[in-house]
């Protein structure tokens, strides 16, 4: 994915939303407006509260901006499903 697209999406973030950056290997990282996203050539560097990541821009396959309330609801549901599976 073009780094300028990633930066445009990142620049629209505010205190009410956050963005998932999805990777070709199925992984994803959650970033918000307090995190750092920068590029150098075709490399993308992400410094978030969850850690630091460096990847090639071609590995980025999707971007999703979500409301923080929706993200928290999704996390609660995922935890409930995991807890149900542990029985």
N, C-alpha and C. Protein backbone atom coordinates (compact mmCIF):
# COMPACT_ATOMS: atom_id res chain seq x y z
N UNK A 1 0.85 -1.17 0.00
CA UNK A 1 0.00 0.00 0.00
C UNK A 1 0.90 1.23 0.00
N UNK A 2 0.47 2.24 -0.68
CA UNK A 2 1.21 3.49 -0.74
C UNK A 2 1.26 4.13 0.65
N UNK A 3 2.45 4.55 1.08
CA UNK A 3 2.60 5.13 2.41
C UNK A 3 1.79 6.41 2.58
N UNK A 4 1.61 7.17 1.50
CA UNK A 4 0.83 8.40 1.61
C UNK A 4 -0.61 8.11 2.02
N UNK A 5 -1.16 6.99 1.59
CA UNK A 5 -2.52 6.61 1.98
C UNK A 5 -2.56 6.32 3.48
N UNK A 6 -1.56 5.59 3.97
CA UNK A 6 -1.48 5.29 5.40
C UNK A 6 -1.40 6.59 6.20
N UNK A 7 -0.56 7.52 5.75
CA UNK A 7 -0.40 8.78 6.46
C UNK A 7 -1.68 9.62 6.44
N UNK A 8 -2.39 9.62 5.31
CA UNK A 8 -3.65 10.37 5.23
C UNK A 8 -4.67 9.83 6.23
N UNK A 9 -4.79 8.51 6.30
CA UNK A 9 -5.71 7.90 7.27
C UNK A 9 -5.26 8.23 8.70
N UNK A 10 -3.98 8.11 8.96
CA UNK A 10 -3.45 8.37 10.30
C UNK A 10 -3.70 9.82 10.71
N UNK A 11 -3.56 10.75 9.77
CA UNK A 11 -3.76 12.17 10.06
C UNK A 11 -5.20 12.50 10.42
N UNK A 12 -6.16 11.66 10.05
CA UNK A 12 -7.57 11.93 10.37
C UNK A 12 -7.97 11.45 11.76
N UNK A 13 -7.08 10.72 12.44
CA UNK A 13 -7.42 10.19 13.76
C UNK A 13 -7.54 11.31 14.79
N UNK A 14 -8.45 11.12 15.73
CA UNK A 14 -8.63 12.05 16.85
C UNK A 14 -8.85 11.25 18.12
N UNK A 15 -9.27 11.91 19.18
CA UNK A 15 -9.44 11.24 20.47
C UNK A 15 -10.59 10.24 20.48
N UNK A 16 -11.48 10.31 19.49
CA UNK A 16 -12.66 9.45 19.48
C UNK A 16 -12.51 8.19 18.64
N UNK A 17 -11.41 8.08 17.88
CA UNK A 17 -11.27 6.90 17.04
C UNK A 17 -9.83 6.41 17.02
N UNK A 18 -9.65 5.24 16.43
CA UNK A 18 -8.34 4.63 16.27
C UNK A 18 -8.35 3.83 14.97
N UNK A 19 -7.21 3.35 14.55
CA UNK A 19 -7.10 2.69 13.25
C UNK A 19 -6.37 1.36 13.40
N UNK A 20 -6.94 0.34 12.77
CA UNK A 20 -6.24 -0.93 12.62
C UNK A 20 -5.46 -0.89 11.31
N UNK A 21 -4.19 -1.22 11.37
CA UNK A 21 -3.39 -1.42 10.16
C UNK A 21 -3.27 -2.93 10.00
N UNK A 22 -3.75 -3.44 8.87
CA UNK A 22 -3.77 -4.89 8.63
C UNK A 22 -2.63 -5.26 7.69
N UNK A 23 -2.01 -6.40 7.99
CA UNK A 23 -0.85 -6.86 7.23
C UNK A 23 -1.18 -8.11 6.42
N UNK A 24 -0.40 -8.36 5.40
CA UNK A 24 -0.61 -9.49 4.50
C UNK A 24 -0.54 -10.84 5.18
N UNK A 25 0.17 -10.94 6.30
CA UNK A 25 0.29 -12.22 7.00
C UNK A 25 -0.89 -12.47 7.95
N UNK A 26 -1.89 -11.57 7.93
CA UNK A 26 -3.06 -11.73 8.79
C UNK A 26 -2.96 -10.97 10.09
N UNK A 27 -1.82 -10.40 10.40
CA UNK A 27 -1.65 -9.64 11.63
C UNK A 27 -2.22 -8.24 11.49
N UNK A 28 -2.37 -7.60 12.62
CA UNK A 28 -2.83 -6.22 12.62
C UNK A 28 -2.31 -5.51 13.86
N UNK A 29 -2.24 -4.19 13.79
CA UNK A 29 -1.83 -3.39 14.94
C UNK A 29 -2.80 -2.22 15.05
N UNK A 30 -3.11 -1.87 16.28
CA UNK A 30 -4.03 -0.78 16.56
C UNK A 30 -3.21 0.47 16.87
N UNK A 31 -3.49 1.56 16.18
CA UNK A 31 -2.80 2.83 16.44
C UNK A 31 -3.84 3.91 16.69
N UNK A 32 -3.44 4.90 17.49
CA UNK A 32 -4.31 6.06 17.70
C UNK A 32 -3.49 7.32 17.48
N UNK A 33 -4.10 8.47 17.72
CA UNK A 33 -3.43 9.73 17.41
C UNK A 33 -2.25 10.03 18.34
N UNK A 34 -2.04 9.24 19.39
CA UNK A 34 -0.89 9.42 20.27
C UNK A 34 0.31 8.59 19.84
N UNK A 35 0.13 7.72 18.86
CA UNK A 35 1.20 6.86 18.38
C UNK A 35 2.00 7.56 17.29
N UNK A 36 3.07 6.93 16.88
CA UNK A 36 3.94 7.49 15.84
C UNK A 36 3.96 6.55 14.65
N UNK A 37 3.70 7.10 13.47
CA UNK A 37 3.77 6.34 12.23
C UNK A 37 4.64 7.15 11.26
N UNK A 38 5.72 6.53 10.80
CA UNK A 38 6.60 7.22 9.84
C UNK A 38 7.08 6.26 8.76
N UNK A 39 7.55 6.84 7.70
CA UNK A 39 8.03 6.04 6.58
C UNK A 39 9.39 6.48 6.12
N UNK A 40 10.11 5.55 5.53
CA UNK A 40 11.41 5.82 4.94
C UNK A 40 11.54 4.91 3.74
N UNK A 41 11.48 5.48 2.56
CA UNK A 41 11.49 4.67 1.35
C UNK A 41 10.24 3.82 1.31
N UNK A 42 10.41 2.50 1.28
CA UNK A 42 9.24 1.62 1.29
C UNK A 42 9.03 0.96 2.67
N UNK A 43 9.74 1.46 3.70
CA UNK A 43 9.58 0.92 5.05
C UNK A 43 8.60 1.77 5.86
N UNK A 44 7.78 1.11 6.64
CA UNK A 44 6.82 1.75 7.53
C UNK A 44 7.21 1.41 8.95
N UNK A 45 7.37 2.44 9.79
CA UNK A 45 7.69 2.24 11.20
C UNK A 45 6.49 2.70 12.02
N UNK A 46 6.07 1.84 12.95
CA UNK A 46 4.93 2.13 13.81
C UNK A 46 5.39 1.99 15.25
N UNK A 47 5.22 3.04 16.03
CA UNK A 47 5.51 2.99 17.47
C UNK A 47 4.20 3.26 18.17
N UNK A 48 3.63 2.20 18.74
CA UNK A 48 2.35 2.33 19.43
C UNK A 48 2.52 1.89 20.87
N UNK A 49 1.46 2.02 21.65
CA UNK A 49 1.48 1.58 23.04
C UNK A 49 1.66 0.07 23.14
N UNK A 50 1.44 -0.65 22.03
CA UNK A 50 1.56 -2.11 22.02
C UNK A 50 2.94 -2.58 21.57
N UNK A 51 3.82 -1.66 21.16
CA UNK A 51 5.15 -2.04 20.74
C UNK A 51 5.58 -1.29 19.50
N UNK A 52 6.75 -1.63 19.00
CA UNK A 52 7.30 -1.01 17.79
C UNK A 52 7.33 -2.04 16.68
N UNK A 53 6.99 -1.60 15.48
CA UNK A 53 6.93 -2.49 14.33
C UNK A 53 7.56 -1.80 13.13
N UNK A 54 8.30 -2.55 12.36
CA UNK A 54 8.85 -2.07 11.10
C UNK A 54 8.49 -3.11 10.04
N UNK A 55 7.93 -2.65 8.95
CA UNK A 55 7.53 -3.55 7.87
C UNK A 55 7.62 -2.82 6.55
N UNK A 56 7.60 -3.57 5.48
CA UNK A 56 7.57 -2.95 4.15
C UNK A 56 6.15 -2.48 3.86
N UNK A 57 6.04 -1.38 3.15
CA UNK A 57 4.71 -0.83 2.84
C UNK A 57 3.88 -1.82 2.04
N UNK A 58 4.50 -2.69 1.27
CA UNK A 58 3.76 -3.67 0.48
C UNK A 58 3.08 -4.72 1.36
N UNK A 59 3.51 -4.82 2.61
CA UNK A 59 2.91 -5.77 3.55
C UNK A 59 1.60 -5.24 4.14
N UNK A 60 1.34 -3.93 4.00
CA UNK A 60 0.10 -3.33 4.50
C UNK A 60 -0.99 -3.58 3.46
N UNK A 61 -2.04 -4.29 3.88
CA UNK A 61 -3.12 -4.63 2.94
C UNK A 61 -4.46 -3.98 3.28
N UNK A 62 -4.56 -3.36 4.46
CA UNK A 62 -5.83 -2.74 4.80
C UNK A 62 -5.72 -1.77 5.95
N UNK A 63 -6.65 -0.81 5.96
CA UNK A 63 -6.76 0.18 7.02
C UNK A 63 -8.21 0.27 7.43
N UNK A 64 -8.46 0.28 8.73
CA UNK A 64 -9.83 0.43 9.23
C UNK A 64 -9.83 1.45 10.35
N UNK A 65 -10.63 2.50 10.19
CA UNK A 65 -10.80 3.46 11.28
C UNK A 65 -12.10 3.11 11.99
N UNK A 66 -11.99 2.95 13.31
CA UNK A 66 -13.14 2.59 14.12
C UNK A 66 -13.27 3.54 15.30
N UNK A 67 -14.49 3.71 15.75
CA UNK A 67 -14.77 4.47 16.95
C UNK A 67 -14.22 3.70 18.14
N UNK A 68 -13.68 4.38 19.12
CA UNK A 68 -13.10 3.71 20.30
C UNK A 68 -14.12 2.85 21.04
N UNK A 69 -15.36 3.29 21.09
CA UNK A 69 -16.41 2.51 21.76
C UNK A 69 -16.59 1.17 21.05
N UNK A 70 -16.58 1.17 19.72
CA UNK A 70 -16.70 -0.07 18.95
C UNK A 70 -15.51 -1.00 19.20
N UNK A 71 -14.33 -0.42 19.31
CA UNK A 71 -13.12 -1.22 19.56
C UNK A 71 -13.20 -1.88 20.94
N UNK A 72 -13.63 -1.12 21.94
CA UNK A 72 -13.76 -1.67 23.29
C UNK A 72 -14.82 -2.77 23.33
N UNK A 73 -15.93 -2.57 22.64
CA UNK A 73 -17.00 -3.58 22.58
C UNK A 73 -16.47 -4.85 21.93
N UNK A 74 -15.72 -4.71 20.85
CA UNK A 74 -15.15 -5.87 20.16
C UNK A 74 -14.20 -6.63 21.09
N UNK A 75 -13.39 -5.92 21.87
CA UNK A 75 -12.46 -6.57 22.79
C UNK A 75 -13.20 -7.33 23.88
N UNK A 76 -14.29 -6.76 24.39
CA UNK A 76 -15.07 -7.43 25.42
C UNK A 76 -15.69 -8.72 24.86
N UNK A 77 -16.25 -8.65 23.67
CA UNK A 77 -16.85 -9.84 23.04
C UNK A 77 -15.79 -10.91 22.81
N UNK A 78 -14.61 -10.52 22.30
CA UNK A 78 -13.54 -11.50 22.07
C UNK A 78 -13.10 -12.17 23.37
N UNK A 79 -13.01 -11.40 24.45
CA UNK A 79 -12.63 -11.97 25.74
C UNK A 79 -13.70 -12.94 26.25
N UNK A 80 -14.97 -12.61 26.03
CA UNK A 80 -16.04 -13.50 26.46
C UNK A 80 -16.00 -14.80 25.68
N UNK A 81 -15.73 -14.74 24.39
CA UNK A 81 -15.66 -15.94 23.56
C UNK A 81 -14.48 -16.80 24.00
N UNK A 82 -13.34 -16.18 24.27
CA UNK A 82 -12.16 -16.92 24.73
C UNK A 82 -12.43 -17.59 26.08
N UNK A 83 -13.08 -16.87 26.99
CA UNK A 83 -13.39 -17.42 28.30
C UNK A 83 -14.36 -18.60 28.18
N UNK A 84 -15.32 -18.52 27.27
CA UNK A 84 -16.27 -19.60 27.06
C UNK A 84 -15.56 -20.85 26.52
N UNK A 85 -14.56 -20.63 25.69
CA UNK A 85 -13.81 -21.75 25.11
C UNK A 85 -12.88 -22.43 26.09
N UNK A 86 -12.54 -21.75 27.18
CA UNK A 86 -11.63 -22.32 28.18
C UNK A 86 -12.31 -23.34 29.07
N UNK A 87 -13.63 -23.42 29.07
CA UNK A 87 -14.36 -24.35 29.95
C UNK A 87 -14.20 -25.78 29.54
